[in-house]
Amino acid sequence: MGVALWMLAAALVVVLGVAVVAFARAGGRGRGESSVIRVTFWVALLWAGIAIIGALVTAVSTLVQSAVQITVPTAAYWPTLPEGAFVEGASATRISGGFTAADVVVEGLSVGARVCWAIGQALWWLAPGAVAAMVALSCFQLLRGRAFAPVLSRMSMVTAVVVSLGGIGAQVLSDIAGSMASSELLEYSGGGYEKVAGIDDVLDAWWPDPVFSVTLPFWPIAAGLAFAALAVILRNGTRLQRETEGLV
């Protein structure tokens, strides 16, 4: 991960430098609402750039590095203490349940799991990046005096699609990759262990079981519908603006 982090850090420094210069220029050119819009434009543009760079770095590093950091789902797991072991000072007692996921660094991950994880993690960057791009474009058009420019309606609809499909894809693909990694990491065909007092089956007590777990999120659908509704509002605003200009 070292090379990937250095690449991302270098890219962020470049983008941040551009943003700082832009902030300084924006502050000197105007006051009040105009300055707020300029600053918002550059902040949104900065985040959109970071999202693109982050997606590329994340995807490339996941595909080329031998070891991958990934979230692995497991069946509810809680280690069993051997006979004679005890702990003191706990103020609560576990009744049931246990760990259901673990963040681990895995080596030897299959190509399918690696590709799914790379795409899923890249989409986690791109979905909010699309929103930032929408905000930047809105501010840019507002500074030009075109609050209802036709391009905003189209961009809002594009953002709706990206957020909906990107958010769902990010969650589902990441879950599929994690489930594949869970099987590859935790399933075994044989094993052995030394007898431990008070533990009948060491592997059952201390080795978590793999599980296939995929979650279908609903927030991307709601967010996408919100941007689709915004696209309709902007389209109506464009039509009203044209009619008003025709009356003048």
Protein backbone atom coordinates (compact mmCIF):
# COMPACT_ATOMS: atom_id res chain seq x y z
CA MET A 1 0.00 0.00 0.00
CA GLY A 2 2.99 2.29 0.40
CA VAL A 3 3.34 3.19 -3.29
CA ALA A 4 -0.39 3.77 -3.66
CA LEU A 5 -0.48 6.09 -0.65
CA TRP A 6 2.48 8.08 -1.96
CA MET A 7 0.80 8.44 -5.37
CA LEU A 8 -2.43 9.61 -3.75
CA ALA A 9 -0.60 12.02 -1.42
CA ALA A 10 1.32 13.57 -4.33
CA ALA A 11 -1.87 13.99 -6.36
CA LEU A 12 -3.68 15.57 -3.41
CA VAL A 13 -0.83 18.06 -2.89
CA VAL A 14 -1.07 19.16 -6.53
CA VAL A 15 -4.85 19.53 -6.45
CA LEU A 16 -4.75 21.27 -3.07
CA GLY A 17 -2.16 23.74 -4.36
CA VAL A 18 -4.42 24.66 -7.26
CA ALA A 19 -7.36 25.06 -4.90
CA VAL A 20 -5.43 27.34 -2.53
CA VAL A 21 -4.50 29.64 -5.40
CA ALA A 22 -8.11 29.64 -6.55
CA PHE A 23 -9.36 30.49 -3.05
CA ALA A 24 -6.97 33.42 -2.85
CA ARG A 25 -8.08 34.76 -6.21
CA ALA A 26 -11.74 34.27 -5.36
CA GLY A 27 -11.40 36.24 -2.15
CA GLY A 28 -9.83 39.17 -3.98
CA ARG A 29 -12.40 39.43 -6.76
CA GLY A 30 -15.64 39.65 -4.92
CA ARG A 31 -17.56 39.73 -1.71
CA GLY A 32 -20.73 38.24 -0.29
CA GLU A 33 -22.67 35.69 -2.27
CA SER A 34 -20.35 35.79 -5.27
CA SER A 35 -17.35 34.86 -3.11
CA VAL A 36 -19.28 32.05 -1.43
CA ILE A 37 -20.23 30.61 -4.82
CA ARG A 38 -16.63 30.82 -6.04
CA VAL A 39 -15.28 29.10 -2.95
CA THR A 40 -17.97 26.42 -3.19
CA PHE A 41 -17.11 25.89 -6.85
CA TRP A 42 -13.42 25.30 -6.11
CA VAL A 43 -14.10 23.10 -3.09
CA ALA A 44 -16.47 20.93 -5.14
CA LEU A 45 -14.02 20.84 -8.03
CA LEU A 46 -11.26 19.85 -5.61
CA TRP A 47 -13.31 16.96 -4.25
CA ALA A 48 -14.28 15.80 -7.73
CA GLY A 49 -10.58 15.69 -8.64
CA ILE A 50 -9.71 13.85 -5.44
CA ALA A 51 -12.50 11.33 -6.14
CA ILE A 52 -11.17 10.55 -9.63
CA ILE A 53 -7.58 10.24 -8.40
CA GLY A 54 -8.64 8.16 -5.40
CA ALA A 55 -10.66 5.80 -7.59
CA LEU A 56 -7.76 5.26 -9.99
CA VAL A 57 -5.18 4.77 -7.23
CA THR A 58 -7.44 2.40 -5.30
CA ALA A 59 -8.27 0.28 -8.34
CA VAL A 60 -4.69 0.08 -9.62
CA SER A 61 -3.18 -0.69 -6.22
CA THR A 62 -5.76 -3.42 -5.57
CA LEU A 63 -5.03 -5.08 -8.91
CA VAL A 64 -1.22 -4.93 -8.87
CA GLN A 65 -0.25 -5.46 -5.25
CA SER A 66 0.29 -8.96 -3.91
CA ALA A 67 -1.46 -8.26 -0.59
CA VAL A 68 -4.91 -6.66 -0.49
CA GLN A 69 -6.66 -5.08 2.49
CA ILE A 70 -10.26 -6.29 2.36
CA THR A 71 -13.31 -6.62 4.60
CA VAL A 72 -14.17 -10.31 5.07
CA PRO A 73 -17.61 -11.38 6.38
CA THR A 74 -17.80 -14.33 8.79
CA ALA A 75 -20.48 -16.30 10.55
CA ALA A 76 -21.11 -14.82 14.01
CA TYR A 77 -17.92 -15.68 15.89
CA TRP A 78 -16.71 -15.32 19.46
CA PRO A 79 -13.61 -17.11 20.76
CA THR A 80 -14.04 -19.69 23.52
CA LEU A 81 -11.71 -19.41 26.48
CA PRO A 82 -9.88 -22.59 27.57
CA GLU A 83 -10.59 -24.18 30.91
CA GLY A 84 -9.20 -22.15 33.79
CA ALA A 85 -8.93 -18.88 31.84
CA PHE A 86 -10.86 -15.88 33.13
CA VAL A 87 -10.97 -12.10 32.81
CA GLU A 88 -11.71 -9.45 35.39
CA GLY A 89 -13.04 -5.92 35.26
CA ALA A 90 -15.64 -6.30 32.51
CA SER A 91 -18.83 -4.42 33.37
CA ALA A 92 -21.07 -6.22 30.85
CA THR A 93 -21.64 -9.85 29.90
CA ARG A 94 -22.07 -11.20 26.38
CA ILE A 95 -25.25 -13.24 25.97
CA SER A 96 -25.05 -14.13 22.27
CA GLY A 97 -23.71 -12.97 18.90
CA GLY A 98 -20.18 -12.09 17.93
CA PHE A 99 -17.96 -10.68 15.22
CA THR A 100 -19.46 -10.81 11.73
CA ALA A 101 -16.71 -9.10 9.72
CA ALA A 102 -12.99 -8.48 9.89
CA ASP A 103 -10.64 -6.07 8.08
CA VAL A 104 -7.67 -8.18 7.02
CA VAL A 105 -4.74 -8.03 4.61
CA VAL A 106 -4.90 -11.08 2.34
CA GLU A 107 -2.26 -12.47 0.01
CA GLY A 108 -3.06 -14.91 -2.79
CA LEU A 109 -6.55 -13.53 -3.41
CA SER A 110 -8.20 -14.81 -6.60
CA VAL A 111 -8.46 -12.60 -9.67
CA GLY A 112 -12.26 -12.51 -9.49
CA ALA A 113 -12.32 -11.33 -5.88
CA ARG A 114 -9.55 -8.82 -6.58
CA VAL A 115 -11.36 -7.32 -9.59
CA CYS A 116 -14.71 -7.08 -7.77
CA TRP A 117 -13.05 -5.41 -4.80
CA ALA A 118 -11.14 -2.97 -7.03
CA ILE A 119 -14.28 -1.90 -8.92
CA GLY A 120 -16.38 -1.71 -5.75
CA GLN A 121 -13.88 0.45 -3.89
CA ALA A 122 -13.38 2.71 -6.92
CA LEU A 123 -17.15 3.26 -7.09
CA TRP A 124 -17.15 4.36 -3.44
CA TRP A 125 -14.96 7.25 -4.62
CA LEU A 126 -16.80 8.03 -7.86
CA ALA A 127 -20.38 8.22 -6.52
CA PRO A 128 -19.75 11.23 -4.23
CA GLY A 129 -17.35 12.59 -6.85
CA ALA A 130 -20.27 12.83 -9.30
CA VAL A 131 -22.22 14.86 -6.75
CA ALA A 132 -19.23 17.18 -6.30
CA ALA A 133 -18.98 17.62 -10.07
CA MET A 134 -22.68 18.52 -10.18
CA VAL A 135 -22.19 21.14 -7.47
CA ALA A 136 -19.13 22.58 -9.25
CA LEU A 137 -20.99 22.84 -12.55
CA SER A 138 -23.98 24.49 -10.84
CA CYS A 139 -21.73 27.10 -9.23
CA PHE A 140 -19.93 27.70 -12.52
CA GLN A 141 -23.18 28.34 -14.38
CA LEU A 142 -24.49 30.51 -11.55
CA LEU A 143 -21.38 32.70 -11.73
CA ARG A 144 -22.09 33.11 -15.45
CA GLY A 145 -25.66 34.19 -14.67
CA ARG A 146 -27.17 31.00 -16.10
CA ALA A 147 -28.81 29.40 -13.07
CA PHE A 148 -31.08 27.27 -15.31
CA ALA A 149 -28.64 26.38 -18.06
CA PRO A 150 -29.83 23.25 -20.00
CA VAL A 151 -26.56 21.48 -19.19
CA LEU A 152 -27.50 21.45 -15.49
CA SER A 153 -30.62 19.39 -16.14
CA ARG A 154 -28.63 16.86 -18.15
CA MET A 155 -25.86 16.74 -15.58
CA SER A 156 -28.36 16.22 -12.78
CA MET A 157 -29.83 13.21 -14.60
CA VAL A 158 -26.33 11.81 -15.18
CA THR A 159 -25.59 12.29 -11.49
CA ALA A 160 -28.80 10.43 -10.63
CA VAL A 161 -27.68 7.43 -12.67
CA VAL A 162 -24.11 7.48 -11.34
CA VAL A 163 -25.18 7.78 -7.70
CA SER A 164 -27.85 5.07 -8.00
CA LEU A 165 -25.86 2.51 -9.96
CA GLY A 166 -22.53 3.49 -8.40
CA GLY A 167 -23.81 3.27 -4.84
CA ILE A 168 -25.49 -0.09 -5.40
CA GLY A 169 -22.54 -1.43 -7.39
CA ALA A 170 -20.04 -0.32 -4.76
CA GLN A 171 -21.88 -2.14 -1.98
CA VAL A 172 -22.78 -5.28 -3.92
CA LEU A 173 -19.40 -5.76 -5.62
CA SER A 174 -17.52 -5.11 -2.37
CA ASP A 175 -19.74 -7.63 -0.57
CA ILE A 176 -19.24 -10.23 -3.31
CA ALA A 177 -15.48 -9.73 -3.19
CA GLY A 178 -15.48 -9.98 0.60
CA SER A 179 -17.57 -13.15 0.50
CA MET A 180 -15.21 -14.71 -2.04
CA ALA A 181 -12.26 -13.74 0.14
CA SER A 182 -14.05 -15.21 3.17
CA SER A 183 -14.35 -18.55 1.40
CA GLU A 184 -10.78 -18.48 0.11
CA LEU A 185 -9.35 -17.48 3.48
CA LEU A 186 -11.41 -19.47 5.97
CA GLU A 187 -12.54 -22.68 4.23
CA TYR A 188 -10.24 -25.65 4.82
CA SER A 189 -10.22 -29.32 3.84
CA GLY A 190 -8.22 -30.61 6.77
CA GLY A 191 -6.27 -29.55 9.81
CA GLY A 192 -4.92 -30.53 13.16
CA TYR A 193 -4.31 -29.15 16.60
CA GLU A 194 -2.96 -30.05 20.00
CA LYS A 195 -5.41 -30.85 22.76
CA VAL A 196 -6.36 -27.84 24.86
CA ALA A 197 -7.94 -28.32 28.26
CA GLY A 198 -11.58 -27.32 28.27
CA ILE A 199 -11.81 -27.04 24.46
CA ASP A 200 -13.37 -29.98 22.64
CA ASP A 201 -12.71 -28.64 19.13
CA VAL A 202 -10.01 -25.98 18.84
CA LEU A 203 -10.84 -25.12 15.21
CA ASP A 204 -14.52 -24.71 16.05
CA ALA A 205 -13.69 -22.53 19.05
CA TRP A 206 -10.99 -20.34 17.51
CA TRP A 207 -11.46 -20.46 13.74
CA PRO A 208 -14.33 -18.38 12.25
CA ASP A 209 -16.55 -19.89 9.56
CA PRO A 210 -16.85 -18.31 6.10
CA VAL A 211 -20.16 -16.86 4.99
CA PHE A 212 -21.63 -15.37 1.81
CA SER A 213 -23.21 -12.01 2.60
CA VAL A 214 -24.45 -9.40 0.12
CA THR A 215 -26.42 -6.30 1.11
CA LEU A 216 -28.62 -4.37 -1.30
CA PRO A 217 -28.58 -0.73 -0.19
CA PHE A 218 -31.59 1.50 -0.76
CA TRP A 219 -30.03 4.91 -0.10
CA PRO A 220 -28.52 5.16 -3.63
CA ILE A 221 -32.00 4.69 -5.12
CA ALA A 222 -33.43 7.47 -2.93
CA ALA A 223 -30.50 9.76 -3.73
CA GLY A 224 -30.81 9.00 -7.44
CA LEU A 225 -34.53 9.82 -7.39
CA ALA A 226 -33.73 13.12 -5.67
CA PHE A 227 -31.29 14.10 -8.43
CA ALA A 228 -33.77 12.93 -11.09
CA ALA A 229 -36.40 15.18 -9.52
CA LEU A 230 -33.88 18.02 -9.50
CA ALA A 231 -33.31 17.44 -13.22
CA VAL A 232 -37.04 17.89 -13.86
CA ILE A 233 -37.11 21.06 -11.75
CA LEU A 234 -34.13 22.50 -13.63
CA ARG A 235 -35.70 21.59 -16.98
CA ASN A 236 -38.91 23.43 -16.01
CA GLY A 237 -36.82 26.35 -14.78
CA THR A 238 -35.07 26.52 -18.14
CA ARG A 239 -38.41 26.59 -19.96
CA LEU A 240 -39.79 29.31 -17.68
CA GLN A 241 -36.63 31.36 -18.10
CA ARG A 242 -36.95 31.18 -21.88
CA GLU A 243 -40.60 32.23 -21.72
CA THR A 244 -39.74 35.15 -19.44
CA GLU A 245 -36.95 36.29 -21.72
CA GLY A 246 -39.39 36.15 -24.64
CA LEU A 247 -41.78 38.51 -22.85
CA VAL A 248 -39.12 41.13 -22.16
